[in-house]
Amino acid sequence: TTDGGANWASAIVPGAEALDFRDVDAFDADTAYLLSIG
């Protein structure tokens, strides 16, 4: 979200449809890390 949660955009990381992203660390509207478990 870039508007305080009034709108959330959801999507799937290409090629990661079977993964479970248990962690996300973000730094701005552009930069973020995702960690999948397993």
Full PDB file with SEQRES, HELIX, SHEET, SSBOND, CRYST1, ORIGX, SCALE, CONECT and MASTER records, all heavy atoms in Angstrom:
SEQRES   1 A   38  THR THR ASP GLY GLY ALA ASN TRP ALA SER ALA ILE VAL          
SEQRES   2 A   38  PRO GLY ALA GLU ALA LEU ASP PHE ARG ASP VAL ASP ALA          
SEQRES   3 A   38  PHE ASP ALA ASP THR ALA TYR LEU LEU SER ILE GLY              
SHEET    1 AA1 2 PHE A  21  ALA A  26  0                                        
SHEET    2 AA1 2 ALA A  32  SER A  36 -1                                        
CRYST1    1.000    1.000    1.000  90.00  90.00  90.00 P 1           1          
ORIGX1      1.000000  0.000000  0.000000        0.00000                         
ORIGX2      0.000000  1.000000  0.000000        0.00000                         
ORIGX3      0.000000  0.000000  1.000000        0.00000                         
SCALE1      1.000000  0.000000  0.000000        0.00000                         
SCALE2      0.000000  1.000000  0.000000        0.00000                         
SCALE3      0.000000  0.000000  1.000000        0.00000                         
ATOM      1  N   THR A   1       0.844  -1.189   0.000  1.00  0.00           N  
ATOM      2  CA  THR A   1       0.000   0.000   0.000  1.00  0.00           C  
ATOM      3  C   THR A   1       0.881   1.240   0.000  1.00  0.00           C  
ATOM      4  O   THR A   1       1.960   1.245   0.610  1.00  0.00           O  
ATOM      5  CB  THR A   1      -0.946   0.045   1.214  1.00  0.00           C  
ATOM      6  OG1 THR A   1      -1.773   1.222   1.118  1.00  0.00           O  
ATOM      7  CG2 THR A   1      -0.180   0.087   2.527  1.00  0.00           C  
ATOM      8  N   THR A   2       0.437   2.267  -0.676  1.00  0.00           N  
ATOM      9  CA  THR A   2       1.156   3.547  -0.692  1.00  0.00           C  
ATOM     10  C   THR A   2       0.252   4.681  -0.244  1.00  0.00           C  
ATOM     11  O   THR A   2       0.619   5.853  -0.374  1.00  0.00           O  
ATOM     12  CB  THR A   2       1.716   3.843  -2.099  1.00  0.00           C  
ATOM     13  OG1 THR A   2       0.642   3.865  -3.044  1.00  0.00           O  
ATOM     14  CG2 THR A   2       2.749   2.800  -2.503  1.00  0.00           C  
ATOM     15  N   ASP A   3      -0.939   4.331   0.256  1.00  0.00           N  
ATOM     16  CA  ASP A   3      -1.873   5.366   0.704  1.00  0.00           C  
ATOM     17  C   ASP A   3      -2.438   5.065   2.091  1.00  0.00           C  
ATOM     18  O   ASP A   3      -3.594   5.341   2.385  1.00  0.00           O  
ATOM     19  CB  ASP A   3      -3.008   5.540  -0.309  1.00  0.00           C  
ATOM     20  CG  ASP A   3      -3.774   4.238  -0.575  1.00  0.00           C  
ATOM     21  OD1 ASP A   3      -3.570   3.260   0.183  1.00  0.00           O  
ATOM     22  OD2 ASP A   3      -4.557   4.210  -1.536  1.00  0.00           O  
ATOM     23  N   GLY A   4      -1.590   4.468   2.945  1.00  0.00           N  
ATOM     24  CA  GLY A   4      -2.001   4.203   4.316  1.00  0.00           C  
ATOM     25  C   GLY A   4      -2.946   3.038   4.477  1.00  0.00           C  
ATOM     26  O   GLY A   4      -3.543   2.872   5.545  1.00  0.00           O  
ATOM     27  N   GLY A   5      -3.101   2.239   3.433  1.00  0.00           N  
ATOM     28  CA  GLY A   5      -3.964   1.072   3.519  1.00  0.00           C  
ATOM     29  C   GLY A   5      -5.352   1.276   2.953  1.00  0.00           C  
ATOM     30  O   GLY A   5      -6.169   0.351   2.973  1.00  0.00           O  
ATOM     31  N   ALA A   6      -5.629   2.461   2.444  1.00  0.00           N  
ATOM     32  CA  ALA A   6      -6.925   2.667   1.787  1.00  0.00           C  
ATOM     33  C   ALA A   6      -7.060   1.715   0.612  1.00  0.00           C  
ATOM     34  O   ALA A   6      -8.154   1.227   0.309  1.00  0.00           O  
ATOM     35  CB  ALA A   6      -7.052   4.116   1.324  1.00  0.00           C  
ATOM     36  N   ASN A   7      -5.920   1.451  -0.028  1.00  0.00           N  
ATOM     37  CA  ASN A   7      -5.887   0.495  -1.127  1.00  0.00           C  
ATOM     38  C   ASN A   7      -4.642  -0.375  -0.984  1.00  0.00           C  
ATOM     39  O   ASN A   7      -3.541   0.132  -0.774  1.00  0.00           O  
ATOM     40  CB  ASN A   7      -5.829   1.220  -2.478  1.00  0.00           C  
ATOM     41  CG  ASN A   7      -7.076   2.032  -2.757  1.00  0.00           C  
ATOM     42  OD1 ASN A   7      -8.094   1.499  -3.181  1.00  0.00           O  
ATOM     43  ND2 ASN A   7      -7.006   3.337  -2.488  1.00  0.00           N  
ATOM     44  N   TRP A   8      -4.835  -1.686  -1.097  1.00  0.00           N  
ATOM     45  CA  TRP A   8      -3.741  -2.647  -1.099  1.00  0.00           C  
ATOM     46  C   TRP A   8      -3.701  -3.336  -2.459  1.00  0.00           C  
ATOM     47  O   TRP A   8      -4.737  -3.790  -2.951  1.00  0.00           O  
ATOM     48  CB  TRP A   8      -3.931  -3.705  -0.016  1.00  0.00           C  
ATOM     49  CG  TRP A   8      -3.623  -3.222   1.371  1.00  0.00           C  
ATOM     50  CD1 TRP A   8      -4.486  -2.614   2.234  1.00  0.00           C  
ATOM     51  CD2 TRP A   8      -2.371  -3.324   2.053  1.00  0.00           C  
ATOM     52  NE1 TRP A   8      -3.849  -2.325   3.417  1.00  0.00           N  
ATOM     53  CE2 TRP A   8      -2.549  -2.752   3.334  1.00  0.00           C  
ATOM     54  CE3 TRP A   8      -1.130  -3.850   1.708  1.00  0.00           C  
ATOM     55  CZ2 TRP A   8      -1.518  -2.691   4.262  1.00  0.00           C  
ATOM     56  CZ3 TRP A   8      -0.109  -3.782   2.645  1.00  0.00           C  
ATOM     57  CH2 TRP A   8      -0.301  -3.204   3.898  1.00  0.00           C  
ATOM     58  N   ALA A   9      -2.524  -3.403  -3.040  1.00  0.00           N  
ATOM     59  CA  ALA A   9      -2.336  -4.131  -4.296  1.00  0.00           C  
ATOM     60  C   ALA A   9      -1.663  -5.454  -3.978  1.00  0.00           C  
ATOM     61  O   ALA A   9      -0.597  -5.480  -3.351  1.00  0.00           O  
ATOM     62  CB  ALA A   9      -1.478  -3.323  -5.260  1.00  0.00           C  
ATOM     63  N   SER A  10      -2.284  -6.565  -4.384  1.00  0.00           N  
ATOM     64  CA  SER A  10      -1.707  -7.879  -4.133  1.00  0.00           C  
ATOM     65  C   SER A  10      -1.306  -8.525  -5.445  1.00  0.00           C  
ATOM     66  O   SER A  10      -1.948  -8.317  -6.481  1.00  0.00           O  
ATOM     67  CB  SER A  10      -2.708  -8.777  -3.397  1.00  0.00           C  
ATOM     68  OG  SER A  10      -3.839  -9.028  -4.195  1.00  0.00           O  
ATOM     69  N   ALA A  11      -0.237  -9.315  -5.408  1.00  0.00           N  
ATOM     70  CA  ALA A  11       0.259 -10.001  -6.602  1.00  0.00           C  
ATOM     71  C   ALA A  11       1.053 -11.220  -6.165  1.00  0.00           C  
ATOM     72  O   ALA A  11       1.258 -11.455  -4.963  1.00  0.00           O  
ATOM     73  CB  ALA A  11       1.117  -9.062  -7.447  1.00  0.00           C  
ATOM     74  N   ILE A  12       1.509 -11.995  -7.142  1.00  0.00           N  
ATOM     75  CA  ILE A  12       2.301 -13.191  -6.888  1.00  0.00           C  
ATOM     76  C   ILE A  12       3.664 -13.040  -7.554  1.00  0.00           C  
ATOM     77  O   ILE A  12       3.753 -12.604  -8.704  1.00  0.00           O  
ATOM     78  CB  ILE A  12       1.585 -14.438  -7.443  1.00  0.00           C  
ATOM     79  CG1 ILE A  12       0.257 -14.644  -6.700  1.00  0.00           C  
ATOM     80  CG2 ILE A  12       2.463 -15.681  -7.302  1.00  0.00           C  
ATOM     81  CD1 ILE A  12      -0.590 -15.765  -7.274  1.00  0.00           C  
ATOM     82  N   VAL A  13       4.711 -13.372  -6.818  1.00  0.00           N  
ATOM     83  CA  VAL A  13       6.060 -13.331  -7.384  1.00  0.00           C  
ATOM     84  C   VAL A  13       6.159 -14.391  -8.474  1.00  0.00           C  
ATOM     85  O   VAL A  13       5.885 -15.582  -8.212  1.00  0.00           O  
ATOM     86  CB  VAL A  13       7.127 -13.577  -6.302  1.00  0.00           C  
ATOM     87  CG1 VAL A  13       8.513 -13.637  -6.930  1.00  0.00           C  
ATOM     88  CG2 VAL A  13       7.065 -12.496  -5.227  1.00  0.00           C  
ATOM     89  N   PRO A  14       6.518 -14.023  -9.703  1.00  0.00           N  
ATOM     90  CA  PRO A  14       6.600 -15.003 -10.793  1.00  0.00           C  
ATOM     91  C   PRO A  14       7.531 -16.163 -10.445  1.00  0.00           C  
ATOM     92  O   PRO A  14       8.654 -15.956  -9.965  1.00  0.00           O  
ATOM     93  CB  PRO A  14       7.159 -14.174 -11.954  1.00  0.00           C  
ATOM     94  CG  PRO A  14       6.722 -12.776 -11.661  1.00  0.00           C  
ATOM     95  CD  PRO A  14       6.807 -12.651 -10.165  1.00  0.00           C  
ATOM     96  N   GLY A  15       7.031 -17.375 -10.656  1.00  0.00           N  
ATOM     97  CA  GLY A  15       7.827 -18.561 -10.372  1.00  0.00           C  
ATOM     98  C   GLY A  15       7.832 -18.980  -8.920  1.00  0.00           C  
ATOM     99  O   GLY A  15       8.458 -19.978  -8.562  1.00  0.00           O  
ATOM    100  N   ALA A  16       7.142 -18.226  -8.053  1.00  0.00           N  
ATOM    101  CA  ALA A  16       7.136 -18.527  -6.621  1.00  0.00           C  
ATOM    102  C   ALA A  16       5.742 -18.906  -6.126  1.00  0.00           C  
ATOM    103  O   ALA A  16       5.456 -18.812  -4.942  1.00  0.00           O  
ATOM    104  CB  ALA A  16       7.659 -17.324  -5.841  1.00  0.00           C  
ATOM    105  N   GLU A  17       4.901 -19.347  -7.025  1.00  0.00           N  
ATOM    106  CA  GLU A  17       3.510 -19.636  -6.678  1.00  0.00           C  
ATOM    107  C   GLU A  17       3.361 -20.696  -5.582  1.00  0.00           C  
ATOM    108  O   GLU A  17       2.362 -20.699  -4.853  1.00  0.00           O  
ATOM    109  CB  GLU A  17       2.755 -20.085  -7.931  1.00  0.00           C  
ATOM    110  CG  GLU A  17       2.638 -19.036  -9.011  1.00  0.00           C  
ATOM    111  CD  GLU A  17       3.860 -18.950  -9.915  1.00  0.00           C  
ATOM    112  OE1 GLU A  17       4.850 -19.699  -9.669  1.00  0.00           O  
ATOM    113  OE2 GLU A  17       3.829 -18.153 -10.873  1.00  0.00           O  
ATOM    114  N   ALA A  18       4.334 -21.574  -5.452  1.00  0.00           N  
ATOM    115  CA  ALA A  18       4.255 -22.649  -4.465  1.00  0.00           C  
ATOM    116  C   ALA A  18       4.964 -22.304  -3.155  1.00  0.00           C  
ATOM    117  O   ALA A  18       5.000 -23.130  -2.239  1.00  0.00           O  
ATOM    118  CB  ALA A  18       4.849 -23.936  -5.041  1.00  0.00           C  
ATOM    119  N   LEU A  19       5.501 -21.101  -3.060  1.00  0.00           N  
ATOM    120  CA  LEU A  19       6.286 -20.726  -1.887  1.00  0.00           C  
ATOM    121  C   LEU A  19       5.434 -20.003  -0.844  1.00  0.00           C  
ATOM    122  O   LEU A  19       4.420 -19.382  -1.159  1.00  0.00           O  
ATOM    123  CB  LEU A  19       7.451 -19.842  -2.300  1.00  0.00           C  
ATOM    124  CG  LEU A  19       8.470 -20.463  -3.253  1.00  0.00           C  
ATOM    125  CD1 LEU A  19       9.594 -19.477  -3.552  1.00  0.00           C  
ATOM    126  CD2 LEU A  19       9.038 -21.766  -2.679  1.00  0.00           C  
ATOM    127  N   ASP A  20       5.883 -20.097   0.398  1.00  0.00           N  
ATOM    128  CA  ASP A  20       5.205 -19.449   1.524  1.00  0.00           C  
ATOM    129  C   ASP A  20       6.120 -18.350   2.056  1.00  0.00           C  
ATOM    130  O   ASP A  20       7.125 -18.622   2.716  1.00  0.00           O  
ATOM    131  CB  ASP A  20       4.928 -20.486   2.616  1.00  0.00           C  
ATOM    132  CG  ASP A  20       4.000 -19.959   3.703  1.00  0.00           C  
ATOM    133  OD1 ASP A  20       3.689 -18.755   3.692  1.00  0.00           O  
ATOM    134  OD2 ASP A  20       3.598 -20.761   4.577  1.00  0.00           O  
ATOM    135  N   PHE A  21       5.766 -17.091   1.765  1.00  0.00           N  
ATOM    136  CA  PHE A  21       6.575 -15.952   2.196  1.00  0.00           C  
ATOM    137  C   PHE A  21       6.177 -15.568   3.616  1.00  0.00           C  
ATOM    138  O   PHE A  21       5.237 -14.814   3.840  1.00  0.00           O  
ATOM    139  CB  PHE A  21       6.404 -14.775   1.241  1.00  0.00           C  
ATOM    140  CG  PHE A  21       7.050 -14.979  -0.106  1.00  0.00           C  
ATOM    141  CD1 PHE A  21       6.296 -14.935  -1.268  1.00  0.00           C  
ATOM    142  CD2 PHE A  21       8.414 -15.217  -0.200  1.00  0.00           C  
ATOM    143  CE1 PHE A  21       6.890 -15.127  -2.510  1.00  0.00           C  
ATOM    144  CE2 PHE A  21       9.015 -15.419  -1.433  1.00  0.00           C  
ATOM    145  CZ  PHE A  21       8.258 -15.370  -2.596  1.00  0.00           C  
ATOM    146  N   ARG A  22       6.954 -16.053   4.585  1.00  0.00           N  
ATOM    147  CA  ARG A  22       6.661 -15.802   5.995  1.00  0.00           C  
ATOM    148  C   ARG A  22       7.254 -14.489   6.506  1.00  0.00           C  
ATOM    149  O   ARG A  22       6.985 -14.094   7.634  1.00  0.00           O  
ATOM    150  CB  ARG A  22       7.189 -16.966   6.851  1.00  0.00           C  
ATOM    151  CG  ARG A  22       6.468 -18.287   6.642  1.00  0.00           C  
ATOM    152  CD  ARG A  22       5.039 -18.237   7.174  1.00  0.00           C  
ATOM    153  NE  ARG A  22       4.347 -19.503   6.968  1.00  0.00           N  
ATOM    154  CZ  ARG A  22       4.299 -20.480   7.872  1.00  0.00           C  
ATOM    155  NH1 ARG A  22       4.921 -20.346   9.021  1.00  0.00           N  
ATOM    156  NH2 ARG A  22       3.630 -21.586   7.601  1.00  0.00           N  
ATOM    157  N   ASP A  23       8.078 -13.832   5.687  1.00  0.00           N  
ATOM    158  CA  ASP A  23       8.713 -12.600   6.159  1.00  0.00           C  
ATOM    159  C   ASP A  23       8.885 -11.627   5.010  1.00  0.00           C  
ATOM    160  O   ASP A  23       9.194 -12.013   3.879  1.00  0.00           O  
ATOM    161  CB  ASP A  23      10.082 -12.923   6.775  1.00  0.00           C  
ATOM    162  CG  ASP A  23      10.620 -11.786   7.641  1.00  0.00           C  
ATOM    163  OD1 ASP A  23       9.914 -10.764   7.790  1.00  0.00           O  
ATOM    164  OD2 ASP A  23      11.729 -11.931   8.173  1.00  0.00           O  
ATOM    165  N   VAL A  24       8.672 -10.340   5.310  1.00  0.00           N  
ATOM    166  CA  VAL A  24       8.940  -9.261   4.372  1.00  0.00           C  
ATOM    167  C   VAL A  24       9.589  -8.122   5.147  1.00  0.00           C  
ATOM    168  O   VAL A  24       9.177  -7.789   6.251  1.00  0.00           O  
ATOM    169  CB  VAL A  24       7.642  -8.780   3.669  1.00  0.00           C  
ATOM    170  CG1 VAL A  24       6.584  -8.350   4.676  1.00  0.00           C  
ATOM    171  CG2 VAL A  24       7.945  -7.650   2.697  1.00  0.00           C  
ATOM    172  N   ASP A  25      10.651  -7.555   4.590  1.00  0.00           N  
ATOM    173  CA  ASP A  25      11.321  -6.389   5.156  1.00  0.00           C  
ATOM    174  C   ASP A  25      11.397  -5.325   4.074  1.00  0.00           C  
ATOM    175  O   ASP A  25      12.002  -5.547   3.027  1.00  0.00           O  
ATOM    176  CB  ASP A  25      12.726  -6.736   5.650  1.00  0.00           C  
ATOM    177  CG  ASP A  25      12.702  -7.430   7.000  1.00  0.00           C  
ATOM    178  OD1 ASP A  25      12.047  -8.483   7.086  1.00  0.00           O  
ATOM    179  OD2 ASP A  25      13.319  -6.926   7.939  1.00  0.00           O  
ATOM    180  N   ALA A  26      10.770  -4.188   4.312  1.00  0.00           N  
ATOM    181  CA  ALA A  26      10.693  -3.129   3.309  1.00  0.00           C  
ATOM    182  C   ALA A  26      11.326  -1.844   3.826  1.00  0.00           C  
ATOM    183  O   ALA A  26      11.407  -1.608   5.036  1.00  0.00           O  
ATOM    184  CB  ALA A  26       9.242  -2.874   2.934  1.00  0.00           C  
ATOM    185  N   PHE A  27      11.754  -0.998   2.874  1.00  0.00           N  
ATOM    186  CA  PHE A  27      12.448   0.237   3.233  1.00  0.00           C  
ATOM    187  C   PHE A  27      11.827   1.478   2.616  1.00  0.00           C  
ATOM    188  O   PHE A  27      12.048   2.584   3.089  1.00  0.00           O  
ATOM    189  CB  PHE A  27      13.930   0.127   2.855  1.00  0.00           C  
ATOM    190  CG  PHE A  27      14.622  -0.955   3.618  1.00  0.00           C  
ATOM    191  CD1 PHE A  27      14.686  -2.249   3.124  1.00  0.00           C  
ATOM    192  CD2 PHE A  27      15.151  -0.702   4.873  1.00  0.00           C  
ATOM    193  CE1 PHE A  27      15.279  -3.265   3.848  1.00  0.00           C  
ATOM    194  CE2 PHE A  27      15.749  -1.713   5.609  1.00  0.00           C  
ATOM    195  CZ  PHE A  27      15.819  -2.997   5.097  1.00  0.00           C  
ATOM    196  N   ASP A  28      11.061   1.305   1.572  1.00  0.00           N  
ATOM    197  CA  ASP A  28      10.318   2.401   0.961  1.00  0.00           C  
ATOM    198  C   ASP A  28       9.282   1.789   0.032  1.00  0.00           C  
ATOM    199  O   ASP A  28       9.061   0.575   0.056  1.00  0.00           O  
ATOM    200  CB  ASP A  28      11.247   3.372   0.218  1.00  0.00           C  
ATOM    201  CG  ASP A  28      12.184   2.685  -0.761  1.00  0.00           C  
ATOM    202  OD1 ASP A  28      11.708   1.797  -1.504  1.00  0.00           O  
ATOM    203  OD2 ASP A  28      13.386   3.022  -0.785  1.00  0.00           O  
ATOM    204  N   ALA A  29       8.655   2.610  -0.776  1.00  0.00           N  
ATOM    205  CA  ALA A  29       7.611   2.108  -1.665  1.00  0.00           C  
ATOM    206  C   ALA A  29       8.162   1.229  -2.774  1.00  0.00           C  
ATOM    207  O   ALA A  29       7.405   0.489  -3.414  1.00  0.00           O  
ATOM    208  CB  ALA A  29       6.848   3.286  -2.264  1.00  0.00           C  
ATOM    209  N   ASP A  30       9.470   1.280  -2.998  1.00  0.00           N  
ATOM    210  CA  ASP A  30      10.082   0.524  -4.088  1.00  0.00           C  
ATOM    211  C   ASP A  30      10.888  -0.687  -3.632  1.00  0.00           C  
ATOM    212  O   ASP A  30      10.972  -1.681  -4.351  1.00  0.00           O  
ATOM    213  CB  ASP A  30      11.003   1.436  -4.910  1.00  0.00           C  
ATOM    214  CG  ASP A  30      10.243   2.532  -5.626  1.00  0.00           C  
ATOM    215  OD1 ASP A  30       9.146   2.250  -6.132  1.00  0.00           O  
ATOM    216  OD2 ASP A  30      10.745   3.673  -5.667  1.00  0.00           O  
ATOM    217  N   THR A  31      11.498  -0.608  -2.453  1.00  0.00           N  
ATOM    218  CA  THR A  31      12.480  -1.603  -2.030  1.00  0.00           C  
ATOM    219  C   THR A  31      11.956  -2.519  -0.938  1.00  0.00           C  
ATOM    220  O   THR A  31      11.524  -2.056   0.122  1.00  0.00           O  
ATOM    221  CB  THR A  31      13.756  -0.905  -1.527  1.00  0.00           C  
ATOM    222  OG1 THR A  31      14.205   0.030  -2.508  1.00  0.00           O  
ATOM    223  CG2 THR A  31      14.848  -1.921  -1.248  1.00  0.00           C  
ATOM    224  N   ALA A  32      11.997  -3.825  -1.197  1.00  0.00           N  
ATOM    225  CA  ALA A  32      11.544  -4.803  -0.206  1.00  0.00           C  
ATOM    226  C   ALA A  32      12.216  -6.143  -0.456  1.00  0.00           C  
ATOM    227  O   ALA A  32      12.573  -6.483  -1.584  1.00  0.00           O  
ATOM    228  CB  ALA A  32      10.029  -4.959  -0.252  1.00  0.00           C  
ATOM    229  N   TYR A  33      12.380  -6.905   0.630  1.00  0.00           N  
ATOM    230  CA  TYR A  33      12.890  -8.276   0.583  1.00  0.00           C  
ATOM    231  C   TYR A  33      11.782  -9.224   1.018  1.00  0.00           C  
ATOM    232  O   TYR A  33      11.001  -8.916   1.926  1.00  0.00           O  
ATOM    233  CB  TYR A  33      14.065  -8.464   1.537  1.00  0.00           C  
ATOM    234  CG  TYR A  33      15.317  -7.683   1.227  1.00  0.00           C  
ATOM    235  CD1 TYR A  33      15.446  -6.347   1.619  1.00  0.00           C  
ATOM    236  CD2 TYR A  33      16.401  -8.289   0.590  1.00  0.00           C  
ATOM    237  CE1 TYR A  33      16.615  -5.636   1.364  1.00  0.00           C  
ATOM    238  CE2 TYR A  33      17.567  -7.593   0.338  1.00  0.00           C  
ATOM    239  CZ  TYR A  33      17.670  -6.254   0.728  1.00  0.00           C  
ATOM    240  OH  TYR A  33      18.817  -5.558   0.471  1.00  0.00           O  
ATOM    241  N   LEU A  34      11.728 -10.403   0.421  1.00  0.00           N  
ATOM    242  CA  LEU A  34      10.813 -11.465   0.810  1.00  0.00           C  
ATOM    243  C   LEU A  34      11.610 -12.712   1.153  1.00  0.00           C  
ATOM    244  O   LEU A  34      12.570 -13.045   0.451  1.00  0.00           O  
ATOM    245  CB  LEU A  34       9.848 -11.811  -0.322  1.00  0.00           C  
ATOM    246  CG  LEU A  34       8.789 -10.789  -0.711  1.00  0.00           C  
ATOM    247  CD1 LEU A  34       8.097 -11.220  -2.000  1.00  0.00           C  
ATOM    248  CD2 LEU A  34       7.762 -10.605   0.404  1.00  0.00           C  
ATOM    249  N   LEU A  35      11.220 -13.411   2.220  1.00  0.00           N  
ATOM    250  CA  LEU A  35      11.845 -14.681   2.582  1.00  0.00           C  
ATOM    251  C   LEU A  35      10.783 -15.765   2.606  1.00  0.00           C  
ATOM    252  O   LEU A  35       9.748 -15.626   3.263  1.00  0.00           O  
ATOM    253  CB  LEU A  35      12.528 -14.587   3.941  1.00  0.00           C  
ATOM    254  CG  LEU A  35      13.212 -15.873   4.436  1.00  0.00           C  
ATOM    255  CD1 LEU A  35      14.517 -15.567   5.166  1.00  0.00           C  
ATOM    256  CD2 LEU A  35      12.284 -16.682   5.375  1.00  0.00           C  
ATOM    257  N   SER A  36      11.044 -16.850   1.864  1.00  0.00           N  
ATOM    258  CA  SER A  36      10.149 -18.007   1.888  1.00  0.00           C  
ATOM    259  C   SER A  36      10.766 -19.098   2.748  1.00  0.00           C  
ATOM    260  O   SER A  36      11.986 -19.206   2.865  1.00  0.00           O  
ATOM    261  CB  SER A  36       9.903 -18.530   0.473  1.00  0.00           C  
ATOM    262  OG  SER A  36      11.098 -19.024  -0.112  1.00  0.00           O  
ATOM    263  N   ILE A  37       9.896 -19.899   3.348  1.00  0.00           N  
ATOM    264  CA  ILE A  37      10.368 -20.946   4.255  1.00  0.00           C  
ATOM    265  C   ILE A  37      10.272 -22.313   3.583  1.00  0.00           C  
ATOM    266  O   ILE A  37       9.638 -22.475   2.539  1.00  0.00           O  
ATOM    267  CB  ILE A  37       9.548 -20.962   5.551  1.00  0.00           C  
ATOM    268  CG1 ILE A  37       8.087 -21.360   5.245  1.00  0.00           C  
ATOM    269  CG2 ILE A  37       9.624 -19.629   6.253  1.00  0.00           C  
ATOM    270  CD1 ILE A  37       7.299 -21.787   6.457  1.00  0.00           C  
ATOM    271  N   GLY A  38      10.919 -23.289   4.205  1.00  0.00           N  
ATOM    272  CA  GLY A  38      10.836 -24.655   3.726  1.00  0.00           C  
ATOM    273  C   GLY A  38      12.189 -25.333   3.703  1.00  0.00           C  
ATOM    274  O   GLY A  38      13.234 -24.687   3.780  1.00  0.00           O  
TER     275      GLY A  38                                                      
MASTER        0    0    0    0    2    0    0    6  274    1    0    3          
END                                                                             
